[in-house]
């Protein structure tokens, strides 16, 4: 029983310093922000089309804008208490998920442009 208590206390003492967590999150946050910026730019560009967008078009571009923010928050919450190398891997995995989602959105909107217009 005392071994479990000692292990729990030792693992709580080996947390990453705040500056390291902030540096890792900030570095990856720039890449996540770039994905949000691209999606927001495409949303604005699509909204300025003369025909306008229908509900599906608005949903796709708004969700493409919000999705990287959600993934960043989930990745941060999942990994900030773990060792630094695990935190980096969790953030990188979330970034890969955002990249795959972005490629899917671009492919769908390119191939089905007519279905997104009003």
N, C-alpha and C. Protein backbone atom coordinates (compact mmCIF):
# COMPACT_ATOMS: atom_id res chain seq x y z
N UNK A 1 0.82 -1.18 0.00
CA UNK A 1 0.00 0.00 0.00
C UNK A 1 0.87 1.25 0.00
N UNK A 2 1.96 1.25 0.73
CA UNK A 2 2.83 2.42 0.79
C UNK A 2 3.56 2.63 -0.53
N UNK A 3 3.81 1.55 -1.30
CA UNK A 3 4.45 1.71 -2.60
C UNK A 3 3.57 2.48 -3.56
N UNK A 4 2.27 2.22 -3.53
CA UNK A 4 1.35 2.94 -4.40
C UNK A 4 1.29 4.42 -4.03
N UNK A 5 1.33 4.71 -2.73
CA UNK A 5 1.32 6.10 -2.29
C UNK A 5 2.60 6.80 -2.68
N UNK A 6 3.73 6.12 -2.57
CA UNK A 6 5.02 6.69 -2.94
C UNK A 6 5.08 6.95 -4.44
N UNK A 7 4.58 6.01 -5.24
CA UNK A 7 4.58 6.19 -6.69
C UNK A 7 3.70 7.35 -7.11
N UNK A 8 2.56 7.50 -6.47
CA UNK A 8 1.66 8.60 -6.81
C UNK A 8 2.28 9.94 -6.44
N UNK A 9 2.95 10.00 -5.30
CA UNK A 9 3.60 11.24 -4.87
C UNK A 9 4.79 11.56 -5.77
N UNK A 10 5.52 10.53 -6.20
CA UNK A 10 6.68 10.76 -7.06
C UNK A 10 6.25 11.23 -8.44
N UNK A 11 5.15 10.66 -8.96
CA UNK A 11 4.70 11.07 -10.28
C UNK A 11 4.11 12.48 -10.25
N UNK A 12 3.51 12.87 -9.13
CA UNK A 12 2.98 14.23 -9.01
C UNK A 12 4.11 15.24 -8.93
N UNK A 13 5.27 14.85 -8.41
CA UNK A 13 6.40 15.75 -8.27
C UNK A 13 7.17 15.95 -9.55
N UNK A 14 7.00 15.07 -10.54
CA UNK A 14 7.77 15.15 -11.79
C UNK A 14 6.99 15.85 -12.90
N UNK A 15 6.16 16.79 -12.57
CA UNK A 15 5.40 17.51 -13.59
C UNK A 15 6.30 18.47 -14.35
N UNK A 16 5.89 18.79 -15.55
CA UNK A 16 6.66 19.73 -16.37
C UNK A 16 6.55 21.13 -15.80
N UNK A 17 7.62 21.92 -15.92
CA UNK A 17 7.52 23.32 -15.50
C UNK A 17 6.54 24.08 -16.41
N UNK A 18 5.95 25.11 -15.88
CA UNK A 18 4.95 25.86 -16.61
C UNK A 18 5.52 26.48 -17.89
N UNK A 19 6.76 26.94 -17.83
CA UNK A 19 7.35 27.57 -19.01
C UNK A 19 7.50 26.57 -20.15
N UNK A 20 7.78 25.30 -19.83
CA UNK A 20 7.93 24.28 -20.86
C UNK A 20 6.58 23.95 -21.49
N UNK A 21 5.56 23.83 -20.66
CA UNK A 21 4.21 23.57 -21.19
C UNK A 21 3.77 24.73 -22.06
N UNK A 22 4.01 25.96 -21.62
CA UNK A 22 3.61 27.13 -22.39
C UNK A 22 4.38 27.23 -23.70
N UNK A 23 5.65 26.87 -23.70
CA UNK A 23 6.45 26.92 -24.92
C UNK A 23 5.97 25.89 -25.93
N UNK A 24 5.73 24.67 -25.48
CA UNK A 24 5.25 23.62 -26.37
C UNK A 24 3.87 23.97 -26.91
N UNK A 25 2.98 24.39 -26.02
CA UNK A 25 1.62 24.74 -26.45
C UNK A 25 1.64 25.95 -27.37
N UNK A 26 2.48 26.91 -27.11
CA UNK A 26 2.58 28.09 -27.96
C UNK A 26 3.11 27.77 -29.34
N UNK A 27 4.13 26.93 -29.40
CA UNK A 27 4.70 26.55 -30.70
C UNK A 27 3.67 25.80 -31.54
N UNK A 28 2.99 24.84 -30.94
CA UNK A 28 1.97 24.12 -31.68
C UNK A 28 0.74 24.99 -31.92
N UNK A 29 0.47 25.89 -31.00
CA UNK A 29 -0.67 26.78 -31.16
C UNK A 29 -0.56 27.64 -32.40
N UNK A 30 0.65 27.99 -32.81
CA UNK A 30 0.83 28.77 -34.04
C UNK A 30 0.37 27.98 -35.25
N UNK A 31 0.65 26.69 -35.28
CA UNK A 31 0.21 25.86 -36.40
C UNK A 31 -1.30 25.67 -36.39
N UNK A 32 -1.88 25.49 -35.22
CA UNK A 32 -3.33 25.40 -35.11
C UNK A 32 -3.97 26.72 -35.53
N UNK A 33 -3.38 27.84 -35.14
CA UNK A 33 -3.91 29.16 -35.51
C UNK A 33 -3.83 29.37 -37.02
N UNK A 34 -2.81 28.84 -37.65
CA UNK A 34 -2.71 28.93 -39.11
C UNK A 34 -3.86 28.19 -39.78
N UNK A 35 -4.23 27.04 -39.24
CA UNK A 35 -5.37 26.29 -39.79
C UNK A 35 -6.67 27.09 -39.61
N UNK A 36 -6.83 27.72 -38.46
CA UNK A 36 -8.02 28.55 -38.23
C UNK A 36 -8.02 29.74 -39.19
N UNK A 37 -6.88 30.36 -39.38
CA UNK A 37 -6.77 31.51 -40.26
C UNK A 37 -7.13 31.14 -41.70
N UNK A 38 -6.65 29.99 -42.17
CA UNK A 38 -6.98 29.54 -43.52
C UNK A 38 -8.47 29.28 -43.66
N UNK A 39 -9.06 28.61 -42.70
CA UNK A 39 -10.48 28.32 -42.77
C UNK A 39 -11.31 29.60 -42.72
N UNK A 40 -10.91 30.53 -41.89
CA UNK A 40 -11.62 31.80 -41.80
C UNK A 40 -11.50 32.59 -43.10
N UNK A 41 -10.34 32.57 -43.71
CA UNK A 41 -10.15 33.24 -45.00
C UNK A 41 -11.02 32.63 -46.09
N UNK A 42 -11.10 31.31 -46.11
CA UNK A 42 -11.96 30.66 -47.10
C UNK A 42 -13.43 30.90 -46.82
N UNK A 43 -13.80 30.97 -45.55
CA UNK A 43 -15.19 31.28 -45.19
C UNK A 43 -15.57 32.67 -45.69
N UNK A 44 -14.71 33.64 -45.48
CA UNK A 44 -14.98 35.01 -45.92
C UNK A 44 -15.03 35.08 -47.45
N UNK A 45 -14.13 34.38 -48.10
CA UNK A 45 -14.11 34.37 -49.56
C UNK A 45 -15.36 33.71 -50.13
N UNK A 46 -15.78 32.61 -49.55
CA UNK A 46 -16.98 31.93 -50.03
C UNK A 46 -18.24 32.74 -49.73
N UNK A 47 -18.26 33.48 -48.64
CA UNK A 47 -19.43 34.29 -48.30
C UNK A 47 -19.58 35.47 -49.25
N UNK A 48 -18.51 35.89 -49.90
CA UNK A 48 -18.57 37.03 -50.80
C UNK A 48 -18.92 36.64 -52.24
N UNK A 49 -19.17 35.36 -52.48
CA UNK A 49 -19.57 34.94 -53.82
C UNK A 49 -20.91 35.58 -54.18
N UNK A 50 -21.11 35.90 -55.45
CA UNK A 50 -22.36 36.55 -55.84
C UNK A 50 -23.60 35.69 -55.56
N UNK A 51 -23.47 34.39 -55.66
CA UNK A 51 -24.63 33.52 -55.42
C UNK A 51 -24.86 33.25 -53.95
N UNK A 52 -23.86 33.45 -53.10
CA UNK A 52 -24.00 33.17 -51.68
C UNK A 52 -23.85 31.68 -51.39
N UNK A 53 -23.96 31.33 -50.13
CA UNK A 53 -23.84 29.93 -49.73
C UNK A 53 -25.14 29.47 -49.11
N UNK A 54 -25.38 28.17 -49.21
CA UNK A 54 -26.53 27.58 -48.53
C UNK A 54 -26.11 27.14 -47.12
N UNK A 55 -27.01 26.49 -46.41
CA UNK A 55 -26.73 26.08 -45.04
C UNK A 55 -25.57 25.11 -44.92
N UNK A 56 -25.45 24.20 -45.89
CA UNK A 56 -24.35 23.23 -45.86
C UNK A 56 -23.01 23.93 -46.02
N UNK A 57 -22.96 24.90 -46.91
CA UNK A 57 -21.71 25.64 -47.10
C UNK A 57 -21.30 26.41 -45.85
N UNK A 58 -22.28 27.06 -45.22
CA UNK A 58 -21.98 27.76 -43.97
C UNK A 58 -21.52 26.79 -42.90
N UNK A 59 -22.20 25.64 -42.77
CA UNK A 59 -21.82 24.66 -41.75
C UNK A 59 -20.41 24.15 -41.97
N UNK A 60 -20.08 23.80 -43.22
CA UNK A 60 -18.75 23.24 -43.50
C UNK A 60 -17.66 24.25 -43.16
N UNK A 61 -17.81 25.50 -43.60
CA UNK A 61 -16.74 26.47 -43.38
C UNK A 61 -16.67 26.94 -41.93
N UNK A 62 -17.80 27.04 -41.25
CA UNK A 62 -17.75 27.41 -39.83
C UNK A 62 -17.16 26.27 -39.02
N UNK A 63 -17.54 25.04 -39.33
CA UNK A 63 -16.97 23.90 -38.60
C UNK A 63 -15.48 23.76 -38.89
N UNK A 64 -15.07 24.04 -40.13
CA UNK A 64 -13.64 24.00 -40.46
C UNK A 64 -12.87 25.08 -39.70
N UNK A 65 -13.53 26.16 -39.33
CA UNK A 65 -12.89 27.21 -38.55
C UNK A 65 -12.82 26.84 -37.07
N UNK A 66 -13.84 26.18 -36.56
CA UNK A 66 -13.92 25.85 -35.13
C UNK A 66 -13.16 24.57 -34.79
N UNK A 67 -13.08 23.64 -35.74
CA UNK A 67 -12.49 22.33 -35.46
C UNK A 67 -11.05 22.40 -34.94
N UNK A 68 -10.14 23.19 -35.53
CA UNK A 68 -8.79 23.25 -34.96
C UNK A 68 -8.75 23.78 -33.53
N UNK A 69 -9.64 24.68 -33.19
CA UNK A 69 -9.69 25.21 -31.82
C UNK A 69 -10.11 24.10 -30.86
N UNK A 70 -11.11 23.33 -31.25
CA UNK A 70 -11.55 22.22 -30.41
C UNK A 70 -10.47 21.16 -30.24
N UNK A 71 -9.79 20.83 -31.32
CA UNK A 71 -8.73 19.81 -31.24
C UNK A 71 -7.57 20.31 -30.40
N UNK A 72 -7.21 21.59 -30.53
CA UNK A 72 -6.15 22.13 -29.70
C UNK A 72 -6.52 22.04 -28.22
N UNK A 73 -7.73 22.44 -27.89
CA UNK A 73 -8.18 22.37 -26.49
C UNK A 73 -8.18 20.95 -25.96
N UNK A 74 -8.66 20.02 -26.76
CA UNK A 74 -8.69 18.62 -26.34
C UNK A 74 -7.27 18.07 -26.20
N UNK A 75 -6.39 18.38 -27.15
CA UNK A 75 -5.01 17.90 -27.08
C UNK A 75 -4.28 18.49 -25.87
N UNK A 76 -4.51 19.76 -25.62
CA UNK A 76 -3.88 20.39 -24.47
C UNK A 76 -4.36 19.76 -23.17
N UNK A 77 -5.68 19.58 -23.06
CA UNK A 77 -6.24 18.99 -21.84
C UNK A 77 -5.77 17.56 -21.65
N UNK A 78 -5.56 16.86 -22.73
CA UNK A 78 -5.13 15.47 -22.64
C UNK A 78 -3.65 15.34 -22.29
N UNK A 79 -2.83 16.29 -22.72
CA UNK A 79 -1.40 16.07 -22.60
C UNK A 79 -0.61 16.95 -21.67
N UNK A 80 -1.17 18.03 -21.13
CA UNK A 80 -0.30 18.96 -20.39
C UNK A 80 0.22 18.40 -19.08
N UNK A 81 -0.40 17.40 -18.53
CA UNK A 81 0.10 16.81 -17.29
C UNK A 81 1.07 15.66 -17.52
N UNK A 82 1.24 15.28 -18.74
CA UNK A 82 2.14 14.17 -19.08
C UNK A 82 3.56 14.70 -19.25
N UNK A 83 4.53 13.78 -19.37
CA UNK A 83 5.91 14.24 -19.64
C UNK A 83 5.97 15.03 -20.95
N UNK A 84 7.02 15.82 -21.08
CA UNK A 84 7.11 16.75 -22.21
C UNK A 84 7.08 16.02 -23.55
N UNK A 85 7.76 14.91 -23.68
CA UNK A 85 7.77 14.22 -24.97
C UNK A 85 6.39 13.63 -25.28
N UNK A 86 5.64 13.22 -24.29
CA UNK A 86 4.27 12.76 -24.52
C UNK A 86 3.37 13.92 -24.93
N UNK A 87 3.56 15.06 -24.28
CA UNK A 87 2.78 16.25 -24.61
C UNK A 87 3.02 16.67 -26.06
N UNK A 88 4.27 16.63 -26.49
CA UNK A 88 4.60 16.96 -27.87
C UNK A 88 3.92 16.00 -28.83
N UNK A 89 3.94 14.72 -28.52
CA UNK A 89 3.30 13.73 -29.39
C UNK A 89 1.79 13.90 -29.44
N UNK A 90 1.17 14.23 -28.32
CA UNK A 90 -0.28 14.44 -28.31
C UNK A 90 -0.63 15.67 -29.14
N UNK A 91 0.12 16.75 -28.99
CA UNK A 91 -0.14 17.95 -29.77
C UNK A 91 0.10 17.71 -31.26
N UNK A 92 1.12 16.96 -31.58
CA UNK A 92 1.42 16.65 -32.98
C UNK A 92 0.34 15.76 -33.59
N UNK A 93 -0.17 14.82 -32.81
CA UNK A 93 -1.25 13.96 -33.29
C UNK A 93 -2.51 14.78 -33.55
N UNK A 94 -2.82 15.71 -32.67
CA UNK A 94 -3.96 16.60 -32.90
C UNK A 94 -3.76 17.45 -34.14
N UNK A 95 -2.54 17.92 -34.36
CA UNK A 95 -2.25 18.72 -35.55
C UNK A 95 -2.39 17.88 -36.81
N UNK A 96 -1.98 16.63 -36.75
CA UNK A 96 -2.16 15.73 -37.90
C UNK A 96 -3.64 15.49 -38.18
N UNK A 97 -4.43 15.37 -37.13
CA UNK A 97 -5.88 15.21 -37.30
C UNK A 97 -6.48 16.45 -37.97
N UNK A 98 -6.04 17.62 -37.57
CA UNK A 98 -6.52 18.86 -38.18
C UNK A 98 -6.11 18.91 -39.65
N UNK A 99 -4.90 18.49 -39.96
CA UNK A 99 -4.43 18.51 -41.35
C UNK A 99 -5.24 17.57 -42.23
N UNK A 100 -5.54 16.38 -41.73
CA UNK A 100 -6.35 15.44 -42.49
C UNK A 100 -7.76 15.99 -42.68
N UNK A 101 -8.32 16.57 -41.64
CA UNK A 101 -9.65 17.17 -41.75
C UNK A 101 -9.63 18.30 -42.77
N UNK A 102 -8.60 19.12 -42.76
CA UNK A 102 -8.50 20.23 -43.69
C UNK A 102 -8.43 19.73 -45.13
N UNK A 103 -7.66 18.67 -45.36
CA UNK A 103 -7.59 18.10 -46.71
C UNK A 103 -8.94 17.57 -47.15
N UNK A 104 -9.68 16.98 -46.24
CA UNK A 104 -11.02 16.49 -46.57
C UNK A 104 -11.96 17.64 -46.92
N UNK A 105 -11.90 18.72 -46.16
CA UNK A 105 -12.75 19.88 -46.44
C UNK A 105 -12.41 20.48 -47.80
N UNK A 106 -11.12 20.64 -48.07
CA UNK A 106 -10.71 21.22 -49.35
C UNK A 106 -11.14 20.31 -50.51
N UNK A 107 -10.96 19.02 -50.36
CA UNK A 107 -11.35 18.09 -51.42
C UNK A 107 -12.87 18.12 -51.64
N UNK A 108 -13.63 18.12 -50.56
CA UNK A 108 -15.09 18.12 -50.68
C UNK A 108 -15.59 19.41 -51.31
N UNK A 109 -15.07 20.54 -50.87
CA UNK A 109 -15.55 21.81 -51.40
C UNK A 109 -15.08 22.02 -52.84
N UNK A 110 -13.97 21.45 -53.22
CA UNK A 110 -13.51 21.56 -54.59
C UNK A 110 -14.36 20.72 -55.53
N UNK A 111 -14.65 19.51 -55.11
CA UNK A 111 -15.40 18.60 -55.98
C UNK A 111 -16.90 18.86 -55.97
N UNK A 112 -17.43 19.47 -54.92
CA UNK A 112 -18.88 19.67 -54.79
C UNK A 112 -19.22 21.14 -54.58
N UNK A 113 -18.60 22.00 -55.33
CA UNK A 113 -18.83 23.43 -55.15
C UNK A 113 -20.28 23.81 -55.40
N UNK A 114 -20.90 23.20 -56.38
CA UNK A 114 -22.28 23.56 -56.73
C UNK A 114 -23.25 23.23 -55.60
N UNK A 115 -22.96 22.19 -54.84
CA UNK A 115 -23.88 21.82 -53.75
C UNK A 115 -23.77 22.74 -52.54
N UNK A 116 -22.77 23.60 -52.51
CA UNK A 116 -22.59 24.51 -51.38
C UNK A 116 -23.13 25.91 -51.66
N UNK A 117 -23.49 26.16 -52.90
CA UNK A 117 -23.96 27.49 -53.28
C UNK A 117 -25.47 27.57 -53.20
N UNK A 118 -25.98 28.76 -52.91
CA UNK A 118 -27.43 28.94 -52.79
C UNK A 118 -28.11 28.90 -54.15
